[in-house]
Amino acid sequence: MRNIILVSLLLIFTFQLKAQNYNLPPNPKAGKCYAQCFDYQKKFEWSEVDCDKLKAEKDKAKTKEELIKFEQEKIKMEKYQEKLRELGYKLDINGIADNKTIIAHHKYLKKKKKIEKQKRRDEKRKAKSE
């Protein structure tokens, strides 16, 4: 009985260690500020930003154009999330780049890269045979 409990605890902790969290930068340094950089063609990454600029942006009132731009980006993210869900990835459609979205995005990019590599390989083989 004790062995079964130990094995089950070991498995639970192993799965927890494997999980990735994209809410924080991988190696943050004390006193530095970071911003999320989401590009639809690249992997998700964090970039270091000036803390003073970040605080100033947060405190200043948003203009109507900035609010419209934010809503447009949210709609674009929702459409991208719908596309990923249609491709079979498990994520929530909320217009925010959360952990599930980022993991699905990385898997999609990896699959896309693999398909492109396969196409290039097939073209090379076709060119050699001719």
C-alpha atoms as a PDB file:
ATOM      1  CA  MET A   1       0.000   0.000   0.000  1.00  0.00           C
ATOM      2  CA  ARG A   2       2.813   2.368   0.905  1.00  0.00           C
ATOM      3  CA  ASN A   3       4.575   1.638  -2.392  1.00  0.00           C
ATOM      4  CA  ILE A   4       1.446   2.469  -4.382  1.00  0.00           C
ATOM      5  CA  ILE A   5       1.138   5.832  -2.632  1.00  0.00           C
ATOM      6  CA  LEU A   6       4.820   6.602  -3.238  1.00  0.00           C
ATOM      7  CA  VAL A   7       4.575   5.747  -6.929  1.00  0.00           C
ATOM      8  CA  SER A   8       1.423   7.816  -7.385  1.00  0.00           C
ATOM      9  CA  LEU A   9       3.005  10.821  -5.623  1.00  0.00           C
ATOM     10  CA  LEU A  10       6.117  10.480  -7.759  1.00  0.00           C
ATOM     11  CA  LEU A  11       4.016  10.494 -10.933  1.00  0.00           C
ATOM     12  CA  ILE A  12       2.032  13.530  -9.806  1.00  0.00           C
ATOM     13  CA  PHE A  13       5.174  15.530  -9.033  1.00  0.00           C
ATOM     14  CA  THR A  14       6.778  14.497 -12.324  1.00  0.00           C
ATOM     15  CA  PHE A  15       3.812  15.785 -14.314  1.00  0.00           C
ATOM     16  CA  GLN A  16       3.800  19.032 -12.343  1.00  0.00           C
ATOM     17  CA  LEU A  17       7.472  19.646 -13.109  1.00  0.00           C
ATOM     18  CA  LYS A  18       6.890  19.154 -16.812  1.00  0.00           C
ATOM     19  CA  ALA A  19       4.235  21.886 -16.994  1.00  0.00           C
ATOM     20  CA  GLN A  20       5.413  25.215 -18.391  1.00  0.00           C
ATOM     21  CA  ASN A  21       4.280  28.576 -17.156  1.00  0.00           C
ATOM     22  CA  TYR A  22       4.377  31.491 -19.589  1.00  0.00           C
ATOM     23  CA  ASN A  23       3.038  34.050 -17.097  1.00  0.00           C
ATOM     24  CA  LEU A  24       6.562  34.951 -16.010  1.00  0.00           C
ATOM     25  CA  PRO A  25       9.822  35.423 -17.918  1.00  0.00           C
ATOM     26  CA  PRO A  26      12.110  32.371 -17.789  1.00  0.00           C
ATOM     27  CA  ASN A  27      14.987  34.044 -15.895  1.00  0.00           C
ATOM     28  CA  PRO A  28      13.801  37.398 -14.530  1.00  0.00           C
ATOM     29  CA  LYS A  29      16.328  39.691 -12.913  1.00  0.00           C
ATOM     30  CA  ALA A  30      15.435  41.746  -9.859  1.00  0.00           C
ATOM     31  CA  GLY A  31      14.696  45.397 -10.638  1.00  0.00           C
ATOM     32  CA  LYS A  32      14.114  44.817 -14.364  1.00  0.00           C
ATOM     33  CA  CYS A  33      10.779  45.020 -16.170  1.00  0.00           C
ATOM     34  CA  TYR A  34       9.601  42.679 -18.908  1.00  0.00           C
ATOM     35  CA  ALA A  35       6.841  42.792 -21.516  1.00  0.00           C
ATOM     36  CA  GLN A  36       5.222  39.948 -23.419  1.00  0.00           C
ATOM     37  CA  CYS A  37       5.983  39.872 -27.151  1.00  0.00           C
ATOM     38  CA  PHE A  38       3.487  37.823 -29.134  1.00  0.00           C
ATOM     39  CA  ASP A  39       4.050  37.535 -32.862  1.00  0.00           C
ATOM     40  CA  TYR A  40       1.862  35.255 -34.962  1.00  0.00           C
ATOM     41  CA  GLN A  41       4.868  34.024 -36.985  1.00  0.00           C
ATOM     42  CA  LYS A  42       7.355  33.532 -34.125  1.00  0.00           C
ATOM     43  CA  LYS A  43       7.510  31.806 -30.770  1.00  0.00           C
ATOM     44  CA  PHE A  44       6.301  33.716 -27.723  1.00  0.00           C
ATOM     45  CA  GLU A  45       9.043  35.613 -25.945  1.00  0.00           C
ATOM     46  CA  TRP A  46       9.633  38.176 -23.240  1.00  0.00           C
ATOM     47  CA  SER A  47      11.539  41.388 -23.870  1.00  0.00           C
ATOM     48  CA  GLU A  48      13.185  43.679 -21.367  1.00  0.00           C
ATOM     49  CA  VAL A  49      11.650  47.162 -21.284  1.00  0.00           C
ATOM     50  CA  ASP A  50      12.351  50.424 -19.514  1.00  0.00           C
ATOM     51  CA  CYS A  51      10.470  50.382 -16.190  1.00  0.00           C
ATOM     52  CA  ASP A  52       9.839  54.138 -16.239  1.00  0.00           C
ATOM     53  CA  LYS A  53       8.173  53.968 -19.663  1.00  0.00           C
ATOM     54  CA  LEU A  54       6.068  51.032 -18.552  1.00  0.00           C
ATOM     55  CA  LYS A  55       4.848  52.885 -15.450  1.00  0.00           C
ATOM     56  CA  ALA A  56       4.141  56.038 -17.463  1.00  0.00           C
ATOM     57  CA  GLU A  57       2.090  54.078 -20.012  1.00  0.00           C
ATOM     58  CA  LYS A  58       0.148  52.364 -17.264  1.00  0.00           C
ATOM     59  CA  ASP A  59      -0.686  55.636 -15.487  1.00  0.00           C
ATOM     60  CA  LYS A  60      -1.653  57.705 -18.519  1.00  0.00           C
ATOM     61  CA  ALA A  61      -5.220  57.687 -19.764  1.00  0.00           C
ATOM     62  CA  LYS A  62      -5.843  55.772 -22.964  1.00  0.00           C
ATOM     63  CA  THR A  63      -6.983  57.698 -26.003  1.00  0.00           C
ATOM     64  CA  LYS A  64      -9.874  56.559 -28.141  1.00  0.00           C
ATOM     65  CA  GLU A  65      -7.482  55.391 -30.876  1.00  0.00           C
ATOM     66  CA  GLU A  66      -5.497  53.300 -28.397  1.00  0.00           C
ATOM     67  CA  LEU A  67      -8.680  51.689 -27.090  1.00  0.00           C
ATOM     68  CA  ILE A  68      -9.799  50.892 -30.640  1.00  0.00           C
ATOM     69  CA  LYS A  69      -6.377  49.420 -31.448  1.00  0.00           C
ATOM     70  CA  PHE A  70      -6.554  47.278 -28.277  1.00  0.00           C
ATOM     71  CA  GLU A  71     -10.002  45.952 -29.253  1.00  0.00           C
ATOM     72  CA  GLN A  72      -8.795  45.191 -32.794  1.00  0.00           C
ATOM     73  CA  GLU A  73      -5.832  43.233 -31.415  1.00  0.00           C
ATOM     74  CA  LYS A  74      -8.176  41.325 -29.110  1.00  0.00           C
ATOM     75  CA  ILE A  75     -10.465  40.443 -32.039  1.00  0.00           C
ATOM     76  CA  LYS A  76      -7.437  39.337 -34.086  1.00  0.00           C
ATOM     77  CA  MET A  77      -6.316  37.113 -31.189  1.00  0.00           C
ATOM     78  CA  GLU A  78      -9.824  35.622 -30.893  1.00  0.00           C
ATOM     79  CA  LYS A  79      -9.808  34.755 -34.609  1.00  0.00           C
ATOM     80  CA  TYR A  80      -6.371  33.168 -34.251  1.00  0.00           C
ATOM     81  CA  GLN A  81      -7.573  31.177 -31.242  1.00  0.00           C
ATOM     82  CA  GLU A  82     -10.593  29.990 -33.264  1.00  0.00           C
ATOM     83  CA  LYS A  83      -8.232  28.893 -36.051  1.00  0.00           C
ATOM     84  CA  LEU A  84      -6.102  26.952 -33.569  1.00  0.00           C
ATOM     85  CA  ARG A  85      -9.170  25.329 -32.039  1.00  0.00           C
ATOM     86  CA  GLU A  86     -10.406  24.295 -35.515  1.00  0.00           C
ATOM     87  CA  LEU A  87      -7.012  22.658 -36.066  1.00  0.00           C
ATOM     88  CA  GLY A  88      -7.624  20.535 -32.960  1.00  0.00           C
ATOM     89  CA  TYR A  89      -5.701  22.393 -30.271  1.00  0.00           C
ATOM     90  CA  LYS A  90      -7.265  22.683 -26.815  1.00  0.00           C
ATOM     91  CA  LEU A  91      -7.573  26.309 -25.725  1.00  0.00           C
ATOM     92  CA  ASP A  92     -10.074  28.910 -24.584  1.00  0.00           C
ATOM     93  CA  ILE A  93     -11.213  31.657 -26.952  1.00  0.00           C
ATOM     94  CA  ASN A  94     -10.850  34.784 -24.825  1.00  0.00           C
ATOM     95  CA  GLY A  95      -8.714  37.184 -26.878  1.00  0.00           C
ATOM     96  CA  ILE A  96      -5.798  36.900 -24.439  1.00  0.00           C
ATOM     97  CA  ALA A  97      -2.486  35.110 -24.982  1.00  0.00           C
ATOM     98  CA  ASP A  98      -2.764  32.816 -21.962  1.00  0.00           C
ATOM     99  CA  ASN A  99      -0.759  29.644 -21.292  1.00  0.00           C
ATOM    100  CA  LYS A 100      -3.035  27.361 -23.330  1.00  0.00           C
ATOM    101  CA  THR A 101      -2.912  29.739 -26.305  1.00  0.00           C
ATOM    102  CA  ILE A 102       0.871  30.037 -26.161  1.00  0.00           C
ATOM    103  CA  ILE A 103       1.364  26.265 -25.930  1.00  0.00           C
ATOM    104  CA  ALA A 104      -1.015  25.720 -28.875  1.00  0.00           C
ATOM    105  CA  HIS A 105       0.776  28.503 -30.803  1.00  0.00           C
ATOM    106  CA  HIS A 106       4.175  26.833 -30.261  1.00  0.00           C
ATOM    107  CA  LYS A 107       2.808  23.442 -31.345  1.00  0.00           C
ATOM    108  CA  TYR A 108       1.240  25.021 -34.445  1.00  0.00           C
ATOM    109  CA  LEU A 109       4.512  26.738 -35.405  1.00  0.00           C
ATOM    110  CA  LYS A 110       6.437  23.495 -34.879  1.00  0.00           C
ATOM    111  CA  LYS A 111       3.982  21.581 -37.075  1.00  0.00           C
ATOM    112  CA  LYS A 112       4.061  24.318 -39.722  1.00  0.00           C
ATOM    113  CA  LYS A 113       7.880  24.259 -39.756  1.00  0.00           C
ATOM    114  CA  LYS A 114       7.875  20.481 -40.099  1.00  0.00           C
ATOM    115  CA  ILE A 115       5.483  20.634 -43.075  1.00  0.00           C
ATOM    116  CA  GLU A 116       7.633  23.290 -44.786  1.00  0.00           C
ATOM    117  CA  LYS A 117      10.754  21.189 -44.215  1.00  0.00           C
ATOM    118  CA  GLN A 118       8.997  18.153 -45.717  1.00  0.00           C
ATOM    119  CA  LYS A 119       7.993  20.200 -48.793  1.00  0.00           C
ATOM    120  CA  ARG A 120      11.578  21.369 -49.337  1.00  0.00           C
ATOM    121  CA  ARG A 121      12.831  17.807 -48.958  1.00  0.00           C
ATOM    122  CA  ASP A 122      10.274  16.546 -51.479  1.00  0.00           C
ATOM    123  CA  GLU A 123      11.257  19.288 -53.938  1.00  0.00           C
ATOM    124  CA  LYS A 124      14.937  18.341 -53.620  1.00  0.00           C
ATOM    125  CA  ARG A 125      14.144  14.684 -54.245  1.00  0.00           C
ATOM    126  CA  LYS A 126      12.017  15.596 -57.239  1.00  0.00           C
ATOM    127  CA  ALA A 127      14.788  17.815 -58.652  1.00  0.00           C
ATOM    128  CA  LYS A 128      17.393  15.047 -58.173  1.00  0.00           C
ATOM    129  CA  SER A 129      15.252  12.433 -59.926  1.00  0.00           C
ATOM    130  CA  GLU A 130      14.756  14.640 -62.988  1.00  0.00           C
END
